[in-house]
């Protein structure tokens, strides 16, 4: 059921970003599309691993340097 909590929190963040016009960087979709989620998340199922943090860094860097 942890996946459902991730989805729930993500939905809230997206809703607040839409309502406030905040810039939002989608980290969740690239994680889910990677098909390597076990390598990207720590054993607690919540926190990013070292590899996951590197992926987050790349996503943020790409979003800032090359915004869509």
N, C-alpha and C. Protein backbone atom coordinates (compact mmCIF):
# COMPACT_ATOMS: atom_id res chain seq x y z
N UNK A 1 0.80 -1.21 0.00
CA UNK A 1 0.00 0.00 0.00
C UNK A 1 0.84 1.27 0.00
N UNK A 2 2.15 1.15 0.16
CA UNK A 2 3.01 2.33 0.17
C UNK A 2 2.90 3.10 -1.14
N UNK A 3 2.76 2.38 -2.23
CA UNK A 3 2.60 3.01 -3.53
C UNK A 3 1.40 3.96 -3.53
N UNK A 4 0.33 3.57 -2.89
CA UNK A 4 -0.88 4.41 -2.84
C UNK A 4 -0.60 5.71 -2.09
N UNK A 5 0.21 5.66 -1.04
CA UNK A 5 0.57 6.89 -0.31
C UNK A 5 1.41 7.79 -1.18
N UNK A 6 2.36 7.23 -1.91
CA UNK A 6 3.16 8.03 -2.84
C UNK A 6 2.25 8.74 -3.83
N UNK A 7 1.32 7.97 -4.40
CA UNK A 7 0.39 8.53 -5.38
C UNK A 7 -0.48 9.62 -4.77
N UNK A 8 -0.97 9.39 -3.57
CA UNK A 8 -1.82 10.35 -2.87
C UNK A 8 -1.07 11.66 -2.62
N UNK A 9 0.13 11.57 -2.09
CA UNK A 9 0.92 12.78 -1.83
C UNK A 9 1.26 13.50 -3.14
N UNK A 10 1.60 12.77 -4.16
CA UNK A 10 1.91 13.36 -5.46
C UNK A 10 0.70 14.11 -6.01
N UNK A 11 -0.47 13.52 -5.90
CA UNK A 11 -1.69 14.18 -6.37
C UNK A 11 -1.92 15.50 -5.64
N UNK A 12 -1.68 15.52 -4.34
CA UNK A 12 -1.85 16.75 -3.56
C UNK A 12 -0.85 17.81 -4.01
N UNK A 13 0.39 17.43 -4.18
CA UNK A 13 1.42 18.37 -4.61
C UNK A 13 1.07 18.95 -5.99
N UNK A 14 0.64 18.11 -6.91
CA UNK A 14 0.26 18.58 -8.24
C UNK A 14 -0.93 19.53 -8.17
N UNK A 15 -1.90 19.22 -7.35
CA UNK A 15 -3.08 20.06 -7.20
C UNK A 15 -2.69 21.44 -6.65
N UNK A 16 -1.88 21.47 -5.62
CA UNK A 16 -1.44 22.74 -5.03
C UNK A 16 -0.63 23.54 -6.04
N UNK A 17 0.23 22.88 -6.80
CA UNK A 17 1.03 23.58 -7.82
C UNK A 17 0.11 24.21 -8.88
N UNK A 18 -0.90 23.47 -9.33
CA UNK A 18 -1.84 24.02 -10.30
C UNK A 18 -2.58 25.22 -9.73
N UNK A 19 -3.08 25.09 -8.51
CA UNK A 19 -3.87 26.14 -7.88
C UNK A 19 -3.06 27.41 -7.62
N UNK A 20 -1.79 27.27 -7.35
CA UNK A 20 -0.96 28.42 -7.00
C UNK A 20 -0.10 28.91 -8.17
N UNK A 21 -0.09 28.15 -9.25
CA UNK A 21 0.75 28.52 -10.40
C UNK A 21 2.23 28.28 -10.15
N UNK A 22 2.53 27.42 -9.20
CA UNK A 22 3.93 27.12 -8.86
C UNK A 22 4.58 26.26 -9.94
N UNK A 23 5.85 26.49 -10.15
CA UNK A 23 6.64 25.66 -11.06
C UNK A 23 6.82 24.29 -10.42
N UNK A 24 6.52 23.25 -11.15
CA UNK A 24 6.59 21.90 -10.62
C UNK A 24 7.50 21.04 -11.48
N UNK A 25 8.44 20.39 -10.84
CA UNK A 25 9.30 19.44 -11.54
C UNK A 25 8.81 18.04 -11.18
N UNK A 26 8.39 17.31 -12.19
CA UNK A 26 7.85 15.97 -11.99
C UNK A 26 8.99 14.97 -11.81
N UNK A 27 9.16 14.51 -10.59
CA UNK A 27 10.17 13.50 -10.29
C UNK A 27 9.58 12.10 -10.35
N UNK A 28 8.32 11.99 -10.07
CA UNK A 28 7.68 10.68 -9.94
C UNK A 28 7.64 9.91 -11.26
N UNK A 29 7.23 10.59 -12.32
CA UNK A 29 7.09 9.91 -13.61
C UNK A 29 8.41 9.31 -14.09
N UNK A 30 9.52 10.04 -14.07
CA UNK A 30 10.77 9.41 -14.51
C UNK A 30 11.17 8.20 -13.64
N UNK A 31 10.88 8.27 -12.35
CA UNK A 31 11.17 7.13 -11.48
C UNK A 31 10.35 5.92 -11.92
N UNK A 32 9.06 6.13 -12.16
CA UNK A 32 8.20 5.02 -12.54
C UNK A 32 8.54 4.48 -13.93
N UNK A 33 8.95 5.35 -14.83
CA UNK A 33 9.29 4.92 -16.19
C UNK A 33 10.65 4.23 -16.27
N UNK A 34 11.48 4.38 -15.28
CA UNK A 34 12.84 3.85 -15.33
C UNK A 34 12.89 2.33 -15.31
N UNK A 35 11.89 1.68 -14.78
CA UNK A 35 11.85 0.22 -14.64
C UNK A 35 13.00 -0.30 -13.77
N UNK A 36 13.62 0.60 -13.01
CA UNK A 36 14.70 0.21 -12.10
C UNK A 36 14.40 0.75 -10.71
N UNK A 37 13.14 0.79 -10.35
CA UNK A 37 12.72 1.41 -9.11
C UNK A 37 13.44 0.82 -7.89
N UNK A 38 13.70 -0.47 -7.93
CA UNK A 38 14.40 -1.10 -6.80
C UNK A 38 15.79 -0.51 -6.57
N UNK A 39 16.42 -0.04 -7.63
CA UNK A 39 17.75 0.58 -7.51
C UNK A 39 17.66 2.05 -7.10
N UNK A 40 16.51 2.65 -7.32
CA UNK A 40 16.36 4.09 -7.09
C UNK A 40 15.82 4.43 -5.71
N UNK A 41 15.21 3.45 -5.05
CA UNK A 41 14.57 3.67 -3.75
C UNK A 41 15.27 2.80 -2.70
N UNK A 42 15.44 3.36 -1.50
CA UNK A 42 16.03 2.59 -0.40
C UNK A 42 15.10 1.46 0.03
N UNK A 43 15.59 0.60 0.86
CA UNK A 43 14.79 -0.55 1.31
C UNK A 43 13.57 -0.14 2.12
N UNK A 44 13.53 1.10 2.63
CA UNK A 44 12.34 1.55 3.37
C UNK A 44 11.17 1.83 2.44
N UNK A 45 11.41 1.86 1.13
CA UNK A 45 10.35 2.06 0.16
C UNK A 45 9.93 3.51 -0.01
N UNK A 46 10.59 4.42 0.67
CA UNK A 46 10.19 5.82 0.63
C UNK A 46 11.31 6.71 0.09
N UNK A 47 12.48 6.59 0.66
CA UNK A 47 13.57 7.52 0.38
C UNK A 47 14.40 7.07 -0.82
N UNK A 48 14.88 8.05 -1.60
CA UNK A 48 15.73 7.70 -2.73
C UNK A 48 17.07 7.14 -2.27
N UNK A 49 17.57 6.21 -3.04
CA UNK A 49 18.92 5.69 -2.80
C UNK A 49 19.93 6.69 -3.35
N UNK A 50 21.20 6.38 -3.25
CA UNK A 50 22.23 7.25 -3.82
C UNK A 50 22.00 7.41 -5.32
N UNK A 51 21.69 6.31 -5.99
CA UNK A 51 21.41 6.35 -7.43
C UNK A 51 20.15 7.19 -7.69
N UNK A 52 19.15 7.04 -6.83
CA UNK A 52 17.93 7.83 -6.96
C UNK A 52 18.19 9.32 -6.80
N UNK A 53 19.05 9.68 -5.86
CA UNK A 53 19.41 11.09 -5.68
C UNK A 53 20.14 11.63 -6.91
N UNK A 54 20.98 10.83 -7.51
CA UNK A 54 21.66 11.26 -8.74
C UNK A 54 20.65 11.48 -9.86
N UNK A 55 19.64 10.63 -9.92
CA UNK A 55 18.60 10.79 -10.93
C UNK A 55 17.81 12.08 -10.68
N UNK A 56 17.49 12.34 -9.42
CA UNK A 56 16.78 13.58 -9.07
C UNK A 56 17.61 14.79 -9.49
N UNK A 57 18.90 14.75 -9.20
CA UNK A 57 19.80 15.85 -9.59
C UNK A 57 19.74 16.11 -11.09
N UNK A 58 19.78 15.04 -11.86
CA UNK A 58 19.74 15.16 -13.33
C UNK A 58 18.40 15.72 -13.80
N UNK A 59 17.32 15.25 -13.23
CA UNK A 59 15.99 15.73 -13.62
C UNK A 59 15.86 17.22 -13.33
N UNK A 60 16.30 17.65 -12.16
CA UNK A 60 16.21 19.06 -11.79
C UNK A 60 17.12 19.89 -12.70
N UNK A 61 18.33 19.42 -12.90
CA UNK A 61 19.27 20.13 -13.77
C UNK A 61 18.68 20.30 -15.17
N UNK A 62 18.14 19.23 -15.74
CA UNK A 62 17.55 19.29 -17.06
C UNK A 62 16.35 20.23 -17.10
N UNK A 63 15.56 20.24 -16.04
CA UNK A 63 14.37 21.11 -15.98
C UNK A 63 14.74 22.58 -15.90
N UNK A 64 15.83 22.88 -15.23
CA UNK A 64 16.27 24.27 -15.07
C UNK A 64 16.99 24.76 -16.33
N UNK A 65 17.86 23.91 -16.87
CA UNK A 65 18.65 24.33 -18.03
C UNK A 65 17.87 24.26 -19.35
N UNK A 66 16.94 23.30 -19.43
CA UNK A 66 16.17 23.11 -20.66
C UNK A 66 14.69 22.96 -20.32
N UNK A 67 14.05 24.02 -19.80
CA UNK A 67 12.64 23.88 -19.43
C UNK A 67 11.76 23.56 -20.63
N UNK A 68 10.75 22.75 -20.39
CA UNK A 68 9.83 22.34 -21.47
C UNK A 68 8.92 23.47 -21.87
